[in-house]
Amino acid sequence: MAINADKSLPNRHRFITAITGGGKTQAIKNLVKNSKRAVFWDPDNDHTCKHYNDKQAFLIALKTVMAKGGRIGWNGDDDEAHFEWFMMCMWAALDGSKPLDIVIEEAADVGLKQSMPKWTGKMWRRSRKYGGILTVGTQRVQEVPKSFITQAGETYIGIQRANDQHYIKRQTGLAPEKMGSLDPLNFYKVVKDSFEKVTFKYMG
């Protein structure tokens, strides 16, 4: 169970979207590069960390990360049931005195619906005050819960296809022509009603 709630902590959740080749994973790497504690849902091994595909070994490693710091990833089964188990583990590990970056790569592949399952919803809505910092990335923005884009503390919009541009405009107010003119590694950072163009470095 998450412990040491701190209601003063801000919403630091991030949502990141771009078409394939747009730099989504590179953006995530930039954003979490200085994290003391980071856990990755990483089926394709995109991130530099110690990966696990055995539940017991992963849980032992997670305990060590919370106690001493470090970076670990799950690259085992990636269906919705395993994702809910992963999120349940994250909730149990949270400690409001120890910030934890939790990175979800290609969220659309998990099969989430607009109504999030129990632990995913709990993490998105409540982990903020327990030090949880969720970073959710996807290429297919319309195939993940809308609250990822509407309720993130920061939203990063990279290159988008035409059908997604208009969906994103409805959720954020960002003009479609801005998304269509972006180059790889370039994003619009959306915070409430403000838009800032940012460029991330390629980190391999």
N, C-alpha and C. Protein backbone atom coordinates (compact mmCIF):
# COMPACT_ATOMS: atom_id res chain seq x y z
N MET A 1 0.84 -1.20 0.00
CA MET A 1 0.00 0.00 0.00
C MET A 1 0.87 1.24 0.00
N ALA A 2 0.55 2.21 -0.81
CA ALA A 2 1.27 3.48 -0.84
C ALA A 2 1.27 4.12 0.54
N ILE A 3 2.40 4.74 0.91
CA ILE A 3 2.53 5.33 2.23
C ILE A 3 3.03 6.78 2.13
N ASN A 4 2.94 7.48 3.28
CA ASN A 4 3.48 8.84 3.43
C ASN A 4 2.90 9.82 2.41
N ALA A 5 1.59 9.95 2.42
CA ALA A 5 0.94 10.89 1.50
C ALA A 5 1.40 12.31 1.78
N ASP A 6 1.64 13.04 0.71
CA ASP A 6 2.02 14.45 0.80
C ASP A 6 1.13 15.21 -0.19
N LYS A 7 0.07 15.81 0.32
CA LYS A 7 -0.90 16.46 -0.55
C LYS A 7 -0.35 17.71 -1.23
N SER A 8 0.81 18.18 -0.79
CA SER A 8 1.40 19.38 -1.41
C SER A 8 2.12 19.06 -2.72
N LEU A 9 2.35 17.78 -3.01
CA LEU A 9 3.06 17.44 -4.23
C LEU A 9 2.23 17.79 -5.46
N PRO A 10 2.86 18.38 -6.49
CA PRO A 10 2.12 18.76 -7.70
C PRO A 10 1.85 17.56 -8.60
N ASN A 11 0.99 17.76 -9.58
CA ASN A 11 0.76 16.74 -10.60
C ASN A 11 1.92 16.79 -11.59
N ARG A 12 2.77 15.75 -11.54
CA ARG A 12 3.93 15.69 -12.42
C ARG A 12 3.78 14.62 -13.50
N HIS A 13 2.56 14.08 -13.65
CA HIS A 13 2.34 13.08 -14.68
C HIS A 13 2.54 13.69 -16.07
N ARG A 14 3.05 12.88 -17.00
CA ARG A 14 3.31 13.34 -18.36
C ARG A 14 2.66 12.39 -19.36
N PHE A 15 2.18 12.97 -20.44
CA PHE A 15 1.68 12.18 -21.57
C PHE A 15 2.44 12.62 -22.80
N ILE A 16 2.94 11.64 -23.58
CA ILE A 16 3.78 11.93 -24.74
C ILE A 16 3.29 11.13 -25.93
N THR A 17 3.07 11.81 -27.05
CA THR A 17 2.60 11.11 -28.24
C THR A 17 3.26 11.66 -29.49
N ALA A 18 3.58 10.75 -30.40
CA ALA A 18 4.13 11.10 -31.71
C ALA A 18 4.05 9.85 -32.58
N ILE A 19 4.00 10.06 -33.88
CA ILE A 19 4.00 8.91 -34.79
C ILE A 19 5.34 8.19 -34.69
N THR A 20 5.41 6.96 -35.23
CA THR A 20 6.66 6.22 -35.22
C THR A 20 7.76 7.03 -35.91
N GLY A 21 8.91 7.11 -35.27
CA GLY A 21 10.00 7.92 -35.79
C GLY A 21 9.96 9.36 -35.36
N GLY A 22 8.93 9.74 -34.61
CA GLY A 22 8.79 11.14 -34.19
C GLY A 22 9.62 11.52 -32.98
N GLY A 23 10.15 10.51 -32.28
CA GLY A 23 11.03 10.82 -31.15
C GLY A 23 10.40 10.63 -29.79
N LYS A 24 9.31 9.89 -29.72
CA LYS A 24 8.61 9.71 -28.44
C LYS A 24 9.51 9.09 -27.37
N THR A 25 10.17 7.98 -27.71
CA THR A 25 11.02 7.32 -26.73
C THR A 25 12.22 8.19 -26.36
N GLN A 26 12.75 8.93 -27.34
CA GLN A 26 13.86 9.83 -27.03
C GLN A 26 13.41 10.94 -26.08
N ALA A 27 12.21 11.44 -26.28
CA ALA A 27 11.67 12.45 -25.36
C ALA A 27 11.59 11.90 -23.95
N ILE A 28 11.08 10.66 -23.83
CA ILE A 28 10.97 10.05 -22.51
C ILE A 28 12.35 9.90 -21.87
N LYS A 29 13.33 9.45 -22.65
CA LYS A 29 14.68 9.29 -22.10
C LYS A 29 15.22 10.61 -21.57
N ASN A 30 14.97 11.69 -22.28
CA ASN A 30 15.41 13.00 -21.82
C ASN A 30 14.74 13.38 -20.50
N LEU A 31 13.46 13.10 -20.41
CA LEU A 31 12.68 13.54 -19.25
C LEU A 31 13.01 12.78 -17.98
N VAL A 32 13.48 11.54 -18.10
CA VAL A 32 13.74 10.75 -16.89
C VAL A 32 15.24 10.46 -16.69
N LYS A 33 16.08 11.11 -17.45
CA LYS A 33 17.51 10.78 -17.41
C LYS A 33 18.14 11.02 -16.04
N ASN A 34 17.61 11.95 -15.26
CA ASN A 34 18.19 12.27 -13.96
C ASN A 34 17.42 11.65 -12.79
N SER A 35 16.51 10.76 -13.10
CA SER A 35 15.69 10.16 -12.04
C SER A 35 16.53 9.26 -11.14
N LYS A 36 16.35 9.38 -9.85
CA LYS A 36 17.04 8.51 -8.90
C LYS A 36 16.40 7.14 -8.85
N ARG A 37 15.07 7.12 -8.98
CA ARG A 37 14.31 5.86 -8.97
C ARG A 37 13.42 5.84 -10.20
N ALA A 38 13.56 4.82 -11.03
CA ALA A 38 12.74 4.73 -12.23
C ALA A 38 12.39 3.28 -12.52
N VAL A 39 11.13 3.04 -12.86
CA VAL A 39 10.65 1.71 -13.22
C VAL A 39 9.97 1.82 -14.58
N PHE A 40 10.29 0.90 -15.50
CA PHE A 40 9.83 0.99 -16.87
C PHE A 40 8.95 -0.22 -17.23
N TRP A 41 7.79 0.06 -17.83
CA TRP A 41 7.04 -0.97 -18.55
C TRP A 41 7.61 -0.92 -19.95
N ASP A 42 8.45 -1.90 -20.28
CA ASP A 42 9.34 -1.74 -21.43
C ASP A 42 9.46 -3.04 -22.23
N PRO A 43 8.37 -3.49 -22.86
CA PRO A 43 8.38 -4.76 -23.58
C PRO A 43 9.43 -4.85 -24.69
N ASP A 44 9.80 -3.73 -25.30
CA ASP A 44 10.74 -3.74 -26.41
C ASP A 44 12.17 -3.38 -26.01
N ASN A 45 12.42 -3.31 -24.69
CA ASN A 45 13.78 -3.02 -24.20
C ASN A 45 14.33 -1.71 -24.75
N ASP A 46 13.52 -0.68 -24.76
CA ASP A 46 13.94 0.61 -25.30
C ASP A 46 14.83 1.39 -24.34
N HIS A 47 14.78 1.05 -23.05
CA HIS A 47 15.46 1.86 -22.05
C HIS A 47 16.61 1.11 -21.38
N THR A 48 17.62 1.88 -20.98
CA THR A 48 18.78 1.32 -20.32
C THR A 48 18.46 1.11 -18.85
N CYS A 49 18.28 -0.16 -18.49
CA CYS A 49 17.96 -0.52 -17.12
C CYS A 49 18.10 -2.03 -17.00
N LYS A 50 18.01 -2.55 -15.80
CA LYS A 50 18.01 -4.00 -15.59
C LYS A 50 16.59 -4.51 -15.83
N HIS A 51 16.41 -5.38 -16.83
CA HIS A 51 15.09 -5.87 -17.19
C HIS A 51 14.78 -7.21 -16.53
N TYR A 52 13.48 -7.40 -16.25
CA TYR A 52 13.02 -8.64 -15.63
C TYR A 52 11.79 -9.14 -16.36
N ASN A 53 11.67 -10.47 -16.45
CA ASN A 53 10.46 -11.08 -16.98
C ASN A 53 9.89 -12.13 -16.02
N ASP A 54 10.45 -12.17 -14.81
CA ASP A 54 9.98 -13.04 -13.74
C ASP A 54 9.40 -12.16 -12.63
N LYS A 55 8.18 -12.43 -12.23
CA LYS A 55 7.50 -11.57 -11.27
C LYS A 55 8.23 -11.48 -9.93
N GLN A 56 8.65 -12.61 -9.39
CA GLN A 56 9.29 -12.58 -8.09
C GLN A 56 10.59 -11.79 -8.12
N ALA A 57 11.39 -12.01 -9.16
CA ALA A 57 12.65 -11.27 -9.29
C ALA A 57 12.39 -9.78 -9.45
N PHE A 58 11.36 -9.44 -10.20
CA PHE A 58 11.01 -8.03 -10.38
C PHE A 58 10.63 -7.39 -9.06
N LEU A 59 9.84 -8.07 -8.25
CA LEU A 59 9.40 -7.51 -6.97
C LEU A 59 10.58 -7.32 -6.02
N ILE A 60 11.52 -8.24 -6.02
CA ILE A 60 12.71 -8.07 -5.18
C ILE A 60 13.51 -6.86 -5.64
N ALA A 61 13.65 -6.71 -6.96
CA ALA A 61 14.39 -5.57 -7.51
C ALA A 61 13.67 -4.25 -7.21
N LEU A 62 12.34 -4.27 -7.26
CA LEU A 62 11.56 -3.05 -6.98
C LEU A 62 11.78 -2.60 -5.54
N LYS A 63 11.82 -3.54 -4.63
CA LYS A 63 12.08 -3.21 -3.23
C LYS A 63 13.44 -2.54 -3.07
N THR A 64 14.43 -3.03 -3.79
CA THR A 64 15.77 -2.44 -3.74
C THR A 64 15.77 -1.04 -4.32
N VAL A 65 15.06 -0.84 -5.43
CA VAL A 65 14.97 0.49 -6.04
C VAL A 65 14.39 1.49 -5.06
N MET A 66 13.35 1.11 -4.36
CA MET A 66 12.74 2.04 -3.41
C MET A 66 13.66 2.33 -2.23
N ALA A 67 14.45 1.36 -1.83
CA ALA A 67 15.32 1.54 -0.68
C ALA A 67 16.60 2.30 -1.03
N LYS A 68 17.18 1.99 -2.20
CA LYS A 68 18.51 2.50 -2.52
C LYS A 68 18.58 3.30 -3.82
N GLY A 69 17.51 3.27 -4.62
CA GLY A 69 17.55 3.90 -5.92
C GLY A 69 17.92 2.90 -7.00
N GLY A 70 17.76 3.30 -8.25
CA GLY A 70 18.12 2.45 -9.38
C GLY A 70 17.07 2.50 -10.47
N ARG A 71 17.30 1.72 -11.52
CA ARG A 71 16.42 1.70 -12.70
C ARG A 71 16.18 0.25 -13.11
N ILE A 72 14.92 -0.15 -13.14
CA ILE A 72 14.56 -1.50 -13.55
C ILE A 72 13.41 -1.44 -14.54
N GLY A 73 13.23 -2.53 -15.30
CA GLY A 73 12.15 -2.57 -16.28
C GLY A 73 11.51 -3.94 -16.33
N TRP A 74 10.25 -3.97 -16.73
CA TRP A 74 9.53 -5.22 -16.98
C TRP A 74 9.47 -5.43 -18.48
N ASN A 75 9.98 -6.59 -18.95
CA ASN A 75 9.91 -6.92 -20.37
C ASN A 75 9.32 -8.32 -20.57
N GLY A 76 8.52 -8.75 -19.60
CA GLY A 76 7.83 -10.02 -19.72
C GLY A 76 6.53 -9.88 -20.47
N ASP A 77 5.55 -10.73 -20.16
CA ASP A 77 4.25 -10.68 -20.83
C ASP A 77 3.67 -9.28 -20.75
N ASP A 78 3.07 -8.82 -21.85
CA ASP A 78 2.63 -7.42 -21.91
C ASP A 78 1.13 -7.28 -22.19
N ASP A 79 0.34 -8.26 -21.73
CA ASP A 79 -1.11 -8.15 -21.89
C ASP A 79 -1.70 -7.29 -20.77
N GLU A 80 -3.01 -7.05 -20.86
CA GLU A 80 -3.66 -6.15 -19.90
C GLU A 80 -3.58 -6.69 -18.47
N ALA A 81 -3.70 -8.00 -18.29
CA ALA A 81 -3.63 -8.57 -16.94
C ALA A 81 -2.27 -8.31 -16.30
N HIS A 82 -1.20 -8.48 -17.07
CA HIS A 82 0.13 -8.22 -16.53
C HIS A 82 0.34 -6.72 -16.28
N PHE A 83 -0.25 -5.90 -17.12
CA PHE A 83 -0.13 -4.46 -16.90
C PHE A 83 -0.82 -4.05 -15.60
N GLU A 84 -1.99 -4.61 -15.32
CA GLU A 84 -2.68 -4.31 -14.06
C GLU A 84 -1.86 -4.80 -12.87
N TRP A 85 -1.23 -5.97 -13.02
CA TRP A 85 -0.34 -6.45 -11.97
C TRP A 85 0.82 -5.47 -11.76
N PHE A 86 1.40 -5.00 -12.85
CA PHE A 86 2.50 -4.03 -12.78
C PHE A 86 2.06 -2.77 -12.04
N MET A 87 0.89 -2.26 -12.39
CA MET A 87 0.38 -1.05 -11.74
C MET A 87 0.07 -1.29 -10.26
N MET A 88 -0.44 -2.46 -9.93
CA MET A 88 -0.68 -2.81 -8.53
C MET A 88 0.64 -2.81 -7.75
N CYS A 89 1.69 -3.34 -8.37
CA CYS A 89 3.01 -3.33 -7.72
C CYS A 89 3.52 -1.91 -7.51
N MET A 90 3.30 -1.05 -8.50
CA MET A 90 3.73 0.34 -8.37
C MET A 90 3.01 1.02 -7.20
N TRP A 91 1.71 0.78 -7.10
CA TRP A 91 0.94 1.39 -6.01
C TRP A 91 1.48 0.91 -4.65
N ALA A 92 1.75 -0.37 -4.54
CA ALA A 92 2.25 -0.92 -3.28
C ALA A 92 3.62 -0.37 -2.91
N ALA A 93 4.41 0.00 -3.92
CA ALA A 93 5.78 0.46 -3.67
C ALA A 93 5.85 1.94 -3.31
N LEU A 94 4.85 2.72 -3.65
CA LEU A 94 4.94 4.18 -3.53
C LEU A 94 5.18 4.64 -2.09
N ASP A 95 6.01 5.67 -1.99
CA ASP A 95 6.32 6.32 -0.71
C ASP A 95 6.44 7.81 -1.00
N GLY A 96 5.56 8.60 -0.40
CA GLY A 96 5.53 10.04 -0.69
C GLY A 96 6.83 10.76 -0.40
N SER A 97 7.72 10.15 0.35
CA SER A 97 9.01 10.78 0.65
C SER A 97 10.09 10.39 -0.35
N LYS A 98 9.75 9.50 -1.31
CA LYS A 98 10.73 9.01 -2.28
C LYS A 98 10.13 9.05 -3.68
N PRO A 99 10.35 10.11 -4.43
CA PRO A 99 9.77 10.21 -5.78
C PRO A 99 10.15 9.01 -6.65
N LEU A 100 9.17 8.51 -7.41
CA LEU A 100 9.38 7.36 -8.27
C LEU A 100 8.86 7.66 -9.66
N ASP A 101 9.75 7.62 -10.66
CA ASP A 101 9.34 7.75 -12.06
C ASP A 101 8.86 6.39 -12.56
N ILE A 102 7.68 6.37 -13.15
CA ILE A 102 7.09 5.15 -13.69
C ILE A 102 6.79 5.41 -15.16
N VAL A 103 7.48 4.72 -16.04
CA VAL A 103 7.40 4.98 -17.47
C VAL A 103 6.63 3.84 -18.15
N ILE A 104 5.62 4.21 -18.93
CA ILE A 104 4.82 3.25 -19.68
C ILE A 104 5.07 3.48 -21.17
N GLU A 105 5.73 2.52 -21.80
CA GLU A 105 5.98 2.62 -23.23
C GLU A 105 4.82 2.00 -24.02
N GLU A 106 4.42 2.68 -25.07
CA GLU A 106 3.37 2.26 -26.00
C GLU A 106 2.13 1.74 -25.28
N ALA A 107 1.47 2.66 -24.58
CA ALA A 107 0.31 2.32 -23.77
C ALA A 107 -0.84 1.73 -24.59
N ALA A 108 -0.94 2.09 -25.87
CA ALA A 108 -2.05 1.59 -26.69
C ALA A 108 -2.00 0.07 -26.84
N ASP A 109 -0.82 -0.51 -26.76
CA ASP A 109 -0.69 -1.95 -26.95
C ASP A 109 -1.21 -2.76 -25.77
N VAL A 110 -1.42 -2.10 -24.64
CA VAL A 110 -1.90 -2.80 -23.45
C VAL A 110 -3.37 -3.19 -23.59
N GLY A 111 -4.12 -2.45 -24.39
CA GLY A 111 -5.54 -2.73 -24.56
C GLY A 111 -6.43 -2.02 -23.58
N LEU A 112 -5.97 -0.88 -23.04
CA LEU A 112 -6.78 -0.13 -22.09
C LEU A 112 -8.01 0.46 -22.77
N LYS A 113 -9.08 0.55 -22.04
CA LYS A 113 -10.30 1.19 -22.53
C LYS A 113 -10.39 2.60 -21.94
N GLN A 114 -11.39 3.37 -22.38
CA GLN A 114 -11.55 4.72 -21.85
C GLN A 114 -11.80 4.70 -20.34
N SER A 115 -12.47 3.66 -19.86
CA SER A 115 -12.64 3.47 -18.42
C SER A 115 -11.49 2.62 -17.92
N MET A 116 -10.54 3.23 -17.24
CA MET A 116 -9.34 2.52 -16.84
C MET A 116 -9.66 1.42 -15.83
N PRO A 117 -8.95 0.29 -15.90
CA PRO A 117 -9.09 -0.73 -14.87
C PRO A 117 -8.59 -0.22 -13.52
N LYS A 118 -8.88 -0.97 -12.47
CA LYS A 118 -8.71 -0.51 -11.09
C LYS A 118 -7.36 0.12 -10.79
N TRP A 119 -6.27 -0.63 -10.97
CA TRP A 119 -4.98 -0.15 -10.51
C TRP A 119 -4.41 0.92 -11.42
N THR A 120 -4.68 0.82 -12.72
CA THR A 120 -4.24 1.88 -13.63
C THR A 120 -4.93 3.19 -13.28
N GLY A 121 -6.23 3.14 -13.05
CA GLY A 121 -6.96 4.34 -12.68
C GLY A 121 -6.49 4.91 -11.35
N LYS A 122 -6.26 4.04 -10.39
CA LYS A 122 -5.79 4.51 -9.07
C LYS A 122 -4.44 5.19 -9.19
N MET A 123 -3.54 4.60 -9.98
CA MET A 123 -2.22 5.21 -10.14
C MET A 123 -2.32 6.57 -10.82
N TRP A 124 -3.15 6.69 -11.85
CA TRP A 124 -3.26 7.95 -12.57
C TRP A 124 -3.90 9.04 -11.70
N ARG A 125 -4.90 8.65 -10.90
CA ARG A 125 -5.64 9.63 -10.12
C ARG A 125 -4.99 9.96 -8.77
N ARG A 126 -4.33 8.99 -8.15
CA ARG A 126 -3.95 9.17 -6.76
C ARG A 126 -2.46 9.08 -6.46
N SER A 127 -1.65 8.60 -7.39
CA SER A 127 -0.23 8.39 -7.06
C SER A 127 0.53 9.69 -6.88
N ARG A 128 -0.01 10.77 -7.40
CA ARG A 128 0.67 12.08 -7.31
C ARG A 128 1.09 12.40 -5.87
N LYS A 129 0.19 12.22 -4.90
CA LYS A 129 0.50 12.60 -3.53
C LYS A 129 1.37 11.58 -2.81
N TYR A 130 1.68 10.46 -3.48
CA TYR A 130 2.58 9.46 -2.91
C TYR A 130 3.91 9.42 -3.67
N GLY A 131 4.21 10.47 -4.40
CA GLY A 131 5.49 10.58 -5.08
C GLY A 131 5.56 9.93 -6.45
N GLY A 132 4.44 9.41 -6.95
CA GLY A 132 4.43 8.79 -8.26
C GLY A 132 4.43 9.80 -9.39
N ILE A 133 5.31 9.59 -10.36
CA ILE A 133 5.39 10.45 -11.54
C ILE A 133 5.25 9.54 -12.76
N LEU A 134 4.05 9.48 -13.30
CA LEU A 134 3.79 8.61 -14.44
C LEU A 134 4.13 9.32 -15.75
N THR A 135 4.86 8.63 -16.60
CA THR A 135 5.15 9.13 -17.94
C THR A 135 4.61 8.09 -18.92
N VAL A 136 3.55 8.46 -19.63
CA VAL A 136 2.85 7.53 -20.52
C VAL A 136 3.08 7.94 -21.96
N GLY A 137 3.57 7.01 -22.78
CA GLY A 137 3.82 7.31 -24.18
C GLY A 137 3.04 6.40 -25.11
N THR A 138 2.64 6.93 -26.26
CA THR A 138 1.97 6.11 -27.27
C THR A 138 2.06 6.77 -28.64
N GLN A 139 2.04 5.94 -29.68
CA GLN A 139 1.91 6.45 -31.04
C GLN A 139 0.46 6.71 -31.38
N ARG A 140 -0.44 5.92 -30.80
CA ARG A 140 -1.84 5.93 -31.22
C ARG A 140 -2.70 6.59 -30.14
N VAL A 141 -2.79 7.89 -30.22
CA VAL A 141 -3.37 8.68 -29.14
C VAL A 141 -4.86 8.39 -28.93
N GLN A 142 -5.57 8.03 -29.96
CA GLN A 142 -7.00 7.79 -29.81
C GLN A 142 -7.31 6.40 -29.24
N GLU A 143 -6.30 5.58 -29.03
CA GLU A 143 -6.50 4.23 -28.52
C GLU A 143 -6.12 4.08 -27.05
N VAL A 144 -5.96 5.19 -26.35
CA VAL A 144 -5.69 5.16 -24.91
C VAL A 144 -6.72 6.05 -24.21
N PRO A 145 -6.92 5.88 -22.91
CA PRO A 145 -7.90 6.71 -22.20
C PRO A 145 -7.67 8.20 -22.40
N LYS A 146 -8.74 8.93 -22.65
CA LYS A 146 -8.65 10.36 -22.91
C LYS A 146 -8.04 11.12 -21.75
N SER A 147 -8.22 10.61 -20.53
CA SER A 147 -7.71 11.33 -19.35
C SER A 147 -6.18 11.40 -19.35
N PHE A 148 -5.50 10.51 -20.08
CA PHE A 148 -4.05 10.62 -20.19
C PHE A 148 -3.65 11.98 -20.77
N ILE A 149 -4.38 12.42 -21.77
CA ILE A 149 -4.03 13.68 -22.43
C ILE A 149 -4.66 14.89 -21.74
N THR A 150 -5.84 14.71 -21.13
CA THR A 150 -6.54 15.85 -20.55
C THR A 150 -6.14 16.12 -19.10
N GLN A 151 -5.60 15.12 -18.39
CA GLN A 151 -5.32 15.28 -16.97
C GLN A 151 -3.85 15.17 -16.62
N ALA A 152 -2.99 15.12 -17.61
CA ALA A 152 -1.54 15.10 -17.34
C ALA A 152 -1.09 16.49 -16.88
N GLY A 153 -0.06 16.52 -16.03
CA GLY A 153 0.51 17.81 -15.65
C GLY A 153 1.21 18.46 -16.84
N GLU A 154 1.84 17.62 -17.67
CA GLU A 154 2.49 18.07 -18.89
C GLU A 154 2.14 17.11 -20.03
N THR A 155 1.79 17.66 -21.17
CA THR A 155 1.52 16.85 -22.36
C THR A 155 2.48 17.27 -23.45
N TYR A 156 3.10 16.29 -24.11
CA TYR A 156 4.06 16.57 -25.18
C TYR A 156 3.51 15.99 -26.48
N ILE A 157 3.27 16.87 -27.45
CA ILE A 157 2.67 16.49 -28.72
C ILE A 157 3.74 16.60 -29.81
N GLY A 158 4.08 15.45 -30.41
CA GLY A 158 5.01 15.43 -31.52
C GLY A 158 4.28 15.32 -32.85
N ILE A 159 4.99 14.90 -33.88
CA ILE A 159 4.40 14.78 -35.22
C ILE A 159 3.17 13.87 -35.15
N GLN A 160 2.07 14.32 -35.79
CA GLN A 160 0.82 13.56 -35.76
C GLN A 160 0.24 13.41 -37.15
N ARG A 161 -0.46 12.30 -37.37
CA ARG A 161 -1.21 12.11 -38.60
C ARG A 161 -2.45 13.00 -38.57
N ALA A 162 -3.02 13.25 -39.75
CA ALA A 162 -4.13 14.19 -39.87
C ALA A 162 -5.32 13.80 -39.00
N ASN A 163 -5.68 12.52 -38.97
CA ASN A 163 -6.86 12.13 -38.20
C ASN A 163 -6.65 12.31 -36.70
N ASP A 164 -5.40 12.21 -36.23
CA ASP A 164 -5.13 12.43 -34.81
C ASP A 164 -4.98 13.91 -34.48
N GLN A 165 -4.57 14.71 -35.46
CA GLN A 165 -4.39 16.14 -35.20
C GLN A 165 -5.68 16.79 -34.71
N HIS A 166 -6.78 16.46 -35.33
CA HIS A 166 -8.04 17.10 -34.96
C HIS A 166 -8.55 16.59 -33.61
N TYR A 167 -8.29 15.31 -33.30
CA TYR A 167 -8.64 14.78 -31.99
C TYR A 167 -7.85 15.50 -30.90
N ILE A 168 -6.55 15.68 -31.13
CA ILE A 168 -5.71 16.35 -30.14
C ILE A 168 -6.11 17.81 -29.98
N LYS A 169 -6.48 18.46 -31.08
CA LYS A 169 -6.93 19.84 -30.98
C LYS A 169 -8.15 19.95 -30.05
N ARG A 170 -9.07 19.00 -30.15
CA ARG A 170 -10.26 19.04 -29.30
C ARG A 170 -9.90 18.89 -27.82
N GLN A 171 -8.84 18.14 -27.55
CA GLN A 171 -8.46 17.89 -26.16
C GLN A 171 -7.55 18.97 -25.58
N THR A 172 -6.72 19.59 -26.42
CA THR A 172 -5.71 20.52 -25.92
C THR A 172 -5.82 21.94 -26.46
N GLY A 173 -6.44 22.11 -27.62
CA GLY A 173 -6.49 23.42 -28.26
C GLY A 173 -5.33 23.68 -29.19
N LEU A 174 -4.39 22.73 -29.30
CA LEU A 174 -3.23 22.93 -30.17
C LEU A 174 -3.66 22.83 -31.64
N ALA A 175 -3.26 23.82 -32.44
CA ALA A 175 -3.67 23.88 -33.84
C ALA A 175 -3.07 22.72 -34.64
N PRO A 176 -3.88 22.07 -35.50
CA PRO A 176 -3.39 20.92 -36.30
C PRO A 176 -2.16 21.24 -37.13
N GLU A 177 -2.11 22.45 -37.72
CA GLU A 177 -0.97 22.76 -38.59
C GLU A 177 0.35 22.79 -37.83
N LYS A 178 0.29 23.06 -36.52
CA LYS A 178 1.52 23.04 -35.71
C LYS A 178 2.05 21.62 -35.58
N MET A 179 1.16 20.65 -35.38
CA MET A 179 1.59 19.25 -35.25
C MET A 179 2.13 18.73 -36.57
N GLY A 180 1.52 19.14 -37.66
CA GLY A 180 1.93 18.64 -38.96
C GLY A 180 3.25 19.17 -39.44
N SER A 181 3.70 20.28 -38.88
CA SER A 181 4.94 20.90 -39.36
C SER A 181 6.15 20.56 -38.49
N LEU A 182 5.97 19.71 -37.51
CA LEU A 182 7.08 19.38 -36.61
C LEU A 182 8.08 18.42 -37.26
N ASP A 183 9.33 18.52 -36.85
CA ASP A 183 10.37 17.58 -37.22
C ASP A 183 10.56 16.57 -36.08
N PRO A 184 11.18 15.42 -36.35
CA PRO A 184 11.46 14.47 -35.27
C PRO A 184 12.23 15.14 -34.13
N LEU A 185 11.92 14.71 -32.91
CA LEU A 185 12.51 15.22 -31.67
C LEU A 185 11.97 16.58 -31.26
N ASN A 186 11.08 17.15 -32.06
CA ASN A 186 10.44 18.41 -31.70
C ASN A 186 9.01 18.15 -31.23
N PHE A 187 8.63 18.80 -30.14
CA PHE A 187 7.33 18.61 -29.52
C PHE A 187 6.76 19.94 -29.06
N TYR A 188 5.45 19.99 -28.95
CA TYR A 188 4.81 21.09 -28.24
C TYR A 188 4.49 20.62 -26.84
N LYS A 189 5.03 21.32 -25.86
CA LYS A 189 4.74 21.04 -24.46
C LYS A 189 3.49 21.82 -24.07
N VAL A 190 2.48 21.10 -23.62
CA VAL A 190 1.20 21.71 -23.26
C VAL A 190 1.04 21.63 -21.75
N VAL A 191 0.90 22.77 -21.12
CA VAL A 191 0.63 22.86 -19.68
C VAL A 191 -0.57 23.77 -19.51
N LYS A 192 -1.70 23.18 -19.12
CA LYS A 192 -2.97 23.93 -19.04
C LYS A 192 -3.25 24.54 -20.41
N ASP A 193 -3.27 25.86 -20.50
CA ASP A 193 -3.59 26.51 -21.78
C ASP A 193 -2.37 27.11 -22.47
N SER A 194 -1.18 26.74 -22.03
CA SER A 194 0.04 27.29 -22.63
C SER A 194 0.72 26.26 -23.52
N PHE A 195 1.38 26.75 -24.58
CA PHE A 195 2.06 25.89 -25.54
C PHE A 195 3.49 26.38 -25.72
N GLU A 196 4.44 25.45 -25.59
CA GLU A 196 5.86 25.80 -25.74
C GLU A 196 6.52 24.75 -26.62
N LYS A 197 7.22 25.19 -27.66
CA LYS A 197 7.93 24.25 -28.53
C LYS A 197 9.25 23.86 -27.89
N VAL A 198 9.51 22.55 -27.78
CA VAL A 198 10.75 22.06 -27.17
C VAL A 198 11.41 21.05 -28.09
N THR A 199 12.73 20.97 -28.00
CA THR A 199 13.50 20.01 -28.79
C THR A 199 14.29 19.12 -27.87
N PHE A 200 14.18 17.81 -28.05
CA PHE A 200 14.91 16.87 -27.22
C PHE A 200 16.15 16.36 -27.94
N LYS A 201 17.14 15.96 -27.17
CA LYS A 201 18.37 15.39 -27.73
C LYS A 201 18.19 13.91 -28.02
N TYR A 202 18.87 13.44 -29.06
CA TYR A 202 18.90 12.01 -29.32
C TYR A 202 19.86 11.35 -28.35
N MET A 203 19.37 10.34 -27.62
CA MET A 203 20.16 9.72 -26.56
C MET A 203 20.49 8.26 -26.84
N GLY A 204 20.22 7.79 -28.05
CA GLY A 204 20.56 6.41 -28.40
C GLY A 204 19.50 5.42 -27.95
